[in-house]
Amino acid sequence: IIFVGSLLLNEPYKLKGSEITSPAAAPTFSLKSSHGDQYQLKDHQGKIVILFFGYTYCPDICPTTLYMFKEVMDRLGKKSNELEVVFITVDPDRDTQEKLSSYLKTFDDTFFGLTGNEIDLETVWKEYGVFRQVSNVAGGKGYLVDHSTRLYLIDKKGNLRVTYLVDTPVTDLVSDIKYLLKSTE
C-alpha cells in the first residue's frame, strides 16, 4: 500500500484543460488597451496570461466568465499579480477603450480589455480560431454577437499551453495556474 501511494505522489502534474502537447509561441498581437495604451502580448512574458474573447454587451457568457476570473484572482491571493486576464473584443464597433475600461472595472481593474479596428482584430480572431457572427435582434433594437467561448492560457515564456471550455471549474484553473507559476519548463 505504501508503494502504491508513493507512485501516486510521484505522478507528474496533469493540466486540467486541453493541454497543447508541443507548446508553441502564442500568436502575438498589439491592440488598444482599456488601460489607455497599446497591449503587446510579447511584452508580457514573465506572467501567465489568460485570454478570453467576448464583448461588453454580451448578456450571459462574458460577464459570467469575467466573474469567474475575478474568483481565480481572489484564490491566487498574492500570486494574482503574476496573472493577467485579457479580454479581447469581438465587437469593435461598440467596445472602445473607454467602454472596456469602465466595464472591466466592475470585475477587476487589473483586467485588460483590448480593442482595435476590425482588420487588426480579424487577424487575432483567426490566429486563435475564434468564431464570431453578428446577429440582428428582432425589432431592430441593436445586435448580438455570437462568438466562441474558449479560454487560452499562455505560460510565462509566451507559449500557448492550455485551452479550456468556458465552464471549467475555478479550482481547475487555479490549480493549473499555480502549477505553471512554479514550472520551469
C-alpha atoms as a PDB file:
ATOM      1  CA  ILE A   1       0.000   0.000   0.000  1.00  0.00           C
ATOM      2  CA  ILE A   2       2.848   2.380   0.781  1.00  0.00           C
ATOM      3  CA  PHE A   3       4.422   1.599  -2.612  1.00  0.00           C
ATOM      4  CA  VAL A   4       1.185   2.454  -4.487  1.00  0.00           C
ATOM      5  CA  GLY A   5       0.841   5.696  -2.526  1.00  0.00           C
ATOM      6  CA  SER A   6       4.396   6.767  -3.346  1.00  0.00           C
ATOM      7  CA  LEU A   7       3.783   6.049  -7.030  1.00  0.00           C
ATOM      8  CA  LEU A   8       0.746   8.318  -6.987  1.00  0.00           C
ATOM      9  CA  LEU A   9       2.670  11.078  -5.236  1.00  0.00           C
ATOM     10  CA  ASN A  10       5.403  10.938  -7.883  1.00  0.00           C
ATOM     11  CA  GLU A  11       2.997  11.179 -10.823  1.00  0.00           C
ATOM     12  CA  PRO A  12       3.721  14.232 -12.960  1.00  0.00           C
ATOM     13  CA  TYR A  13       1.166  17.033 -12.792  1.00  0.00           C
ATOM     14  CA  LYS A  14      -1.534  16.745 -15.444  1.00  0.00           C
ATOM     15  CA  LEU A  15      -3.005  20.045 -16.650  1.00  0.00           C
ATOM     16  CA  LYS A  16      -6.792  20.135 -16.301  1.00  0.00           C
ATOM     17  CA  GLY A  17      -7.624  21.788 -19.625  1.00  0.00           C
ATOM     18  CA  SER A  18      -6.788  20.689 -23.161  1.00  0.00           C
ATOM     19  CA  GLU A  19      -3.013  20.682 -22.986  1.00  0.00           C
ATOM     20  CA  ILE A  20      -1.057  21.657 -26.055  1.00  0.00           C
ATOM     21  CA  THR A  21       1.494  18.864 -26.033  1.00  0.00           C
ATOM     22  CA  SER A  22       4.075  20.743 -28.102  1.00  0.00           C
ATOM     23  CA  PRO A  23       3.747  24.269 -26.739  1.00  0.00           C
ATOM     24  CA  ALA A  24       4.497  26.916 -29.343  1.00  0.00           C
ATOM     25  CA  ALA A  25       4.690  30.672 -29.096  1.00  0.00           C
ATOM     26  CA  ALA A  26       1.215  32.135 -28.729  1.00  0.00           C
ATOM     27  CA  PRO A  27       0.204  34.238 -31.726  1.00  0.00           C
ATOM     28  CA  THR A  28       1.312  37.726 -30.820  1.00  0.00           C
ATOM     29  CA  PHE A  29      -0.641  40.927 -31.309  1.00  0.00           C
ATOM     30  CA  SER A  30      -0.724  44.605 -30.483  1.00  0.00           C
ATOM     31  CA  LEU A  31      -4.122  46.124 -29.682  1.00  0.00           C
ATOM     32  CA  LYS A  32      -5.504  49.183 -27.896  1.00  0.00           C
ATOM     33  CA  SER A  33      -5.841  48.545 -24.159  1.00  0.00           C
ATOM     34  CA  SER A  34      -8.502  49.635 -21.698  1.00  0.00           C
ATOM     35  CA  HIS A  35      -5.574  50.930 -19.634  1.00  0.00           C
ATOM     36  CA  GLY A  36      -5.079  53.662 -22.261  1.00  0.00           C
ATOM     37  CA  ASP A  37      -2.073  52.266 -24.111  1.00  0.00           C
ATOM     38  CA  GLN A  38      -1.157  49.517 -26.580  1.00  0.00           C
ATOM     39  CA  TYR A  39      -1.059  45.977 -25.250  1.00  0.00           C
ATOM     40  CA  GLN A  40       1.595  43.908 -26.986  1.00  0.00           C
ATOM     41  CA  LEU A  41       1.466  40.280 -25.937  1.00  0.00           C
ATOM     42  CA  LYS A  42       5.216  39.786 -26.394  1.00  0.00           C
ATOM     43  CA  ASP A  43       5.882  42.458 -23.744  1.00  0.00           C
ATOM     44  CA  HIS A  44       4.099  40.406 -21.066  1.00  0.00           C
ATOM     45  CA  GLN A  45       6.358  37.380 -20.884  1.00  0.00           C
ATOM     46  CA  GLY A  46       7.184  36.515 -17.311  1.00  0.00           C
ATOM     47  CA  LYS A  47       3.484  36.466 -16.432  1.00  0.00           C
ATOM     48  CA  ILE A  48       0.764  33.936 -17.080  1.00  0.00           C
ATOM     49  CA  VAL A  49      -1.842  35.356 -19.469  1.00  0.00           C
ATOM     50  CA  ILE A  50      -5.371  34.054 -19.801  1.00  0.00           C
ATOM     51  CA  LEU A  51      -7.218  35.220 -22.917  1.00  0.00           C
ATOM     52  CA  PHE A  52     -10.942  35.337 -23.473  1.00  0.00           C
ATOM     53  CA  PHE A  53     -12.825  36.757 -26.455  1.00  0.00           C
ATOM     54  CA  GLY A  54     -16.154  38.476 -25.865  1.00  0.00           C
ATOM     55  CA  TYR A  55     -17.915  41.831 -25.734  1.00  0.00           C
ATOM     56  CA  THR A  56     -19.345  44.275 -23.237  1.00  0.00           C
ATOM     57  CA  TYR A  57     -22.966  43.958 -24.413  1.00  0.00           C
ATOM     58  CA  CYS A  58     -22.902  40.159 -24.007  1.00  0.00           C
ATOM     59  CA  PRO A  59     -25.955  39.148 -21.967  1.00  0.00           C
ATOM     60  CA  ASP A  60     -24.643  35.951 -20.401  1.00  0.00           C
ATOM     61  CA  ILE A  61     -21.335  34.130 -21.038  1.00  0.00           C
ATOM     62  CA  CYS A  62     -18.970  37.123 -20.890  1.00  0.00           C
ATOM     63  CA  PRO A  63     -19.976  38.592 -17.522  1.00  0.00           C
ATOM     64  CA  THR A  64     -20.150  35.111 -16.001  1.00  0.00           C
ATOM     65  CA  THR A  65     -16.652  34.312 -17.271  1.00  0.00           C
ATOM     66  CA  LEU A  66     -15.242  37.613 -16.024  1.00  0.00           C
ATOM     67  CA  TYR A  67     -16.703  36.954 -12.557  1.00  0.00           C
ATOM     68  CA  MET A  68     -15.040  33.531 -12.718  1.00  0.00           C
ATOM     69  CA  PHE A  69     -11.697  35.222 -13.499  1.00  0.00           C
ATOM     70  CA  LYS A  70     -12.245  37.532 -10.516  1.00  0.00           C
ATOM     71  CA  GLU A  71     -12.676  34.424  -8.357  1.00  0.00           C
ATOM     72  CA  VAL A  72      -9.462  32.961  -9.824  1.00  0.00           C
ATOM     73  CA  MET A  73      -7.597  36.160  -8.906  1.00  0.00           C
ATOM     74  CA  ASP A  74      -9.029  36.100  -5.373  1.00  0.00           C
ATOM     75  CA  ARG A  75      -7.999  32.466  -4.858  1.00  0.00           C
ATOM     76  CA  LEU A  76      -4.478  33.149  -6.111  1.00  0.00           C
ATOM     77  CA  GLY A  77      -4.026  35.806  -3.436  1.00  0.00           C
ATOM     78  CA  LYS A  78      -0.593  37.452  -3.672  1.00  0.00           C
ATOM     79  CA  LYS A  79       0.229  35.280  -6.691  1.00  0.00           C
ATOM     80  CA  SER A  80      -2.513  37.078  -8.664  1.00  0.00           C
ATOM     81  CA  ASN A  81      -0.003  39.764  -9.628  1.00  0.00           C
ATOM     82  CA  GLU A  82       1.666  37.109 -11.795  1.00  0.00           C
ATOM     83  CA  LEU A  83      -1.522  36.561 -13.850  1.00  0.00           C
ATOM     84  CA  GLU A  84      -3.011  38.858 -16.471  1.00  0.00           C
ATOM     85  CA  VAL A  85      -6.603  38.486 -17.580  1.00  0.00           C
ATOM     86  CA  VAL A  86      -7.017  39.723 -21.151  1.00  0.00           C
ATOM     87  CA  PHE A  87     -10.492  40.230 -22.642  1.00  0.00           C
ATOM     88  CA  ILE A  88     -10.364  40.783 -26.417  1.00  0.00           C
ATOM     89  CA  THR A  89     -13.479  42.217 -28.010  1.00  0.00           C
ATOM     90  CA  VAL A  90     -15.461  40.592 -30.796  1.00  0.00           C
ATOM     91  CA  ASP A  91     -17.491  43.842 -31.105  1.00  0.00           C
ATOM     92  CA  PRO A  92     -15.083  46.623 -32.076  1.00  0.00           C
ATOM     93  CA  ASP A  93     -17.894  48.966 -33.197  1.00  0.00           C
ATOM     94  CA  ARG A  94     -19.155  49.376 -29.628  1.00  0.00           C
ATOM     95  CA  ASP A  95     -16.208  48.299 -27.481  1.00  0.00           C
ATOM     96  CA  THR A  96     -13.932  51.331 -27.329  1.00  0.00           C
ATOM     97  CA  GLN A  97     -11.011  51.602 -24.922  1.00  0.00           C
ATOM     98  CA  GLU A  98     -13.173  53.738 -22.635  1.00  0.00           C
ATOM     99  CA  LYS A  99     -16.155  51.358 -22.750  1.00  0.00           C
ATOM    100  CA  LEU A 100     -13.903  48.368 -21.990  1.00  0.00           C
ATOM    101  CA  SER A 101     -12.250  50.258 -19.135  1.00  0.00           C
ATOM    102  CA  SER A 102     -15.496  51.146 -17.379  1.00  0.00           C
ATOM    103  CA  TYR A 103     -16.971  47.681 -17.999  1.00  0.00           C
ATOM    104  CA  LEU A 104     -13.966  45.739 -16.691  1.00  0.00           C
ATOM    105  CA  LYS A 105     -13.669  47.893 -13.554  1.00  0.00           C
ATOM    106  CA  THR A 106     -16.894  46.264 -12.351  1.00  0.00           C
ATOM    107  CA  PHE A 107     -14.986  42.960 -12.224  1.00  0.00           C
ATOM    108  CA  ASP A 108     -11.340  43.838 -11.533  1.00  0.00           C
ATOM    109  CA  ASP A 109      -9.487  46.972 -12.551  1.00  0.00           C
ATOM    110  CA  THR A 110      -6.346  44.973 -13.346  1.00  0.00           C
ATOM    111  CA  PHE A 111      -8.077  43.147 -16.225  1.00  0.00           C
ATOM    112  CA  PHE A 112      -7.061  44.254 -19.709  1.00  0.00           C
ATOM    113  CA  GLY A 113      -9.731  44.898 -22.327  1.00  0.00           C
ATOM    114  CA  LEU A 114      -8.388  45.007 -25.869  1.00  0.00           C
ATOM    115  CA  THR A 115      -9.880  46.508 -28.997  1.00  0.00           C
ATOM    116  CA  GLY A 116      -8.833  47.827 -32.372  1.00  0.00           C
ATOM    117  CA  ASN A 117     -10.084  48.132 -35.880  1.00  0.00           C
ATOM    118  CA  GLU A 118     -11.849  45.159 -37.410  1.00  0.00           C
ATOM    119  CA  ILE A 119      -8.907  44.298 -39.703  1.00  0.00           C
ATOM    120  CA  ASP A 120      -6.446  44.039 -36.785  1.00  0.00           C
ATOM    121  CA  LEU A 121      -8.933  42.091 -34.694  1.00  0.00           C
ATOM    122  CA  GLU A 122      -9.810  39.716 -37.541  1.00  0.00           C
ATOM    123  CA  THR A 123      -6.152  38.693 -37.671  1.00  0.00           C
ATOM    124  CA  VAL A 124      -6.170  37.895 -33.935  1.00  0.00           C
ATOM    125  CA  TRP A 125      -9.528  36.101 -34.139  1.00  0.00           C
ATOM    126  CA  LYS A 126      -8.261  33.969 -37.000  1.00  0.00           C
ATOM    127  CA  GLU A 127      -4.956  33.110 -35.275  1.00  0.00           C
ATOM    128  CA  TYR A 128      -6.823  31.937 -32.171  1.00  0.00           C
ATOM    129  CA  GLY A 129      -9.596  30.175 -34.103  1.00  0.00           C
ATOM    130  CA  VAL A 130     -12.328  32.460 -32.785  1.00  0.00           C
ATOM    131  CA  PHE A 131     -15.798  32.206 -34.308  1.00  0.00           C
ATOM    132  CA  ARG A 132     -17.725  35.494 -34.493  1.00  0.00           C
ATOM    133  CA  GLN A 133     -21.058  36.311 -36.121  1.00  0.00           C
ATOM    134  CA  VAL A 134     -23.227  39.408 -35.738  1.00  0.00           C
ATOM    135  CA  SER A 135     -26.968  38.692 -35.366  1.00  0.00           C
ATOM    136  CA  ASN A 136     -29.632  41.387 -35.533  1.00  0.00           C
ATOM    137  CA  VAL A 137     -32.096  41.416 -32.666  1.00  0.00           C
ATOM    138  CA  ALA A 138     -35.794  41.189 -33.538  1.00  0.00           C
ATOM    139  CA  GLY A 139     -37.406  44.605 -33.723  1.00  0.00           C
ATOM    140  CA  GLY A 140     -34.228  46.326 -34.912  1.00  0.00           C
ATOM    141  CA  LYS A 141     -33.039  47.171 -31.378  1.00  0.00           C
ATOM    142  CA  GLY A 142     -29.371  46.501 -31.903  1.00  0.00           C
ATOM    143  CA  TYR A 143     -27.486  43.286 -32.345  1.00  0.00           C
ATOM    144  CA  LEU A 144     -25.827  40.430 -30.515  1.00  0.00           C
ATOM    145  CA  VAL A 145     -22.511  38.840 -31.401  1.00  0.00           C
ATOM    146  CA  ASP A 146     -22.385  35.063 -31.351  1.00  0.00           C
ATOM    147  CA  HIS A 147     -18.837  34.002 -30.527  1.00  0.00           C
ATOM    148  CA  SER A 148     -16.728  31.073 -29.424  1.00  0.00           C
ATOM    149  CA  THR A 149     -16.023  30.881 -25.717  1.00  0.00           C
ATOM    150  CA  ARG A 150     -12.712  29.060 -25.381  1.00  0.00           C
ATOM    151  CA  LEU A 151     -10.180  30.253 -22.785  1.00  0.00           C
ATOM    152  CA  TYR A 152      -6.480  30.335 -23.696  1.00  0.00           C
ATOM    153  CA  LEU A 153      -3.682  30.052 -21.124  1.00  0.00           C
ATOM    154  CA  ILE A 154      -0.253  31.359 -22.097  1.00  0.00           C
ATOM    155  CA  ASP A 155       2.731  30.488 -19.910  1.00  0.00           C
ATOM    156  CA  LYS A 156       5.478  32.788 -18.617  1.00  0.00           C
ATOM    157  CA  LYS A 157       7.597  32.118 -21.714  1.00  0.00           C
ATOM    158  CA  GLY A 158       4.812  33.240 -24.052  1.00  0.00           C
ATOM    159  CA  ASN A 159       3.813  29.729 -25.125  1.00  0.00           C
ATOM    160  CA  LEU A 160       0.197  28.727 -25.620  1.00  0.00           C
ATOM    161  CA  ARG A 161      -0.064  25.826 -23.145  1.00  0.00           C
ATOM    162  CA  VAL A 162      -3.697  25.027 -22.416  1.00  0.00           C
ATOM    163  CA  THR A 163      -7.177  25.830 -23.640  1.00  0.00           C
ATOM    164  CA  TYR A 164     -10.342  25.407 -21.609  1.00  0.00           C
ATOM    165  CA  LEU A 165     -14.056  25.220 -22.050  1.00  0.00           C
ATOM    166  CA  VAL A 166     -15.757  28.281 -20.627  1.00  0.00           C
ATOM    167  CA  ASP A 167     -17.408  26.247 -17.857  1.00  0.00           C
ATOM    168  CA  THR A 168     -14.133  24.885 -16.483  1.00  0.00           C
ATOM    169  CA  PRO A 169     -14.236  24.864 -12.661  1.00  0.00           C
ATOM    170  CA  VAL A 170     -12.367  27.687 -10.949  1.00  0.00           C
ATOM    171  CA  THR A 171     -10.426  25.121  -8.905  1.00  0.00           C
ATOM    172  CA  ASP A 172      -9.031  23.599 -12.133  1.00  0.00           C
ATOM    173  CA  LEU A 173      -7.922  26.983 -13.474  1.00  0.00           C
ATOM    174  CA  VAL A 174      -6.298  27.933 -10.160  1.00  0.00           C
ATOM    175  CA  SER A 175      -4.536  24.571  -9.940  1.00  0.00           C
ATOM    176  CA  ASP A 176      -3.111  24.852 -13.466  1.00  0.00           C
ATOM    177  CA  ILE A 177      -2.051  28.468 -12.984  1.00  0.00           C
ATOM    178  CA  LYS A 178      -0.281  27.644  -9.702  1.00  0.00           C
ATOM    179  CA  TYR A 179       1.486  24.754 -11.413  1.00  0.00           C
ATOM    180  CA  LEU A 180       2.607  26.915 -14.340  1.00  0.00           C
ATOM    181  CA  LEU A 181       3.786  29.671 -11.981  1.00  0.00           C
ATOM    182  CA  LYS A 182       6.096  27.155 -10.273  1.00  0.00           C
ATOM    183  CA  SER A 183       7.078  25.388 -13.504  1.00  0.00           C
ATOM    184  CA  THR A 184      10.459  25.956 -15.130  1.00  0.00           C
ATOM    185  CA  GLU A 185       9.549  24.103 -18.346  1.00  0.00           C
END
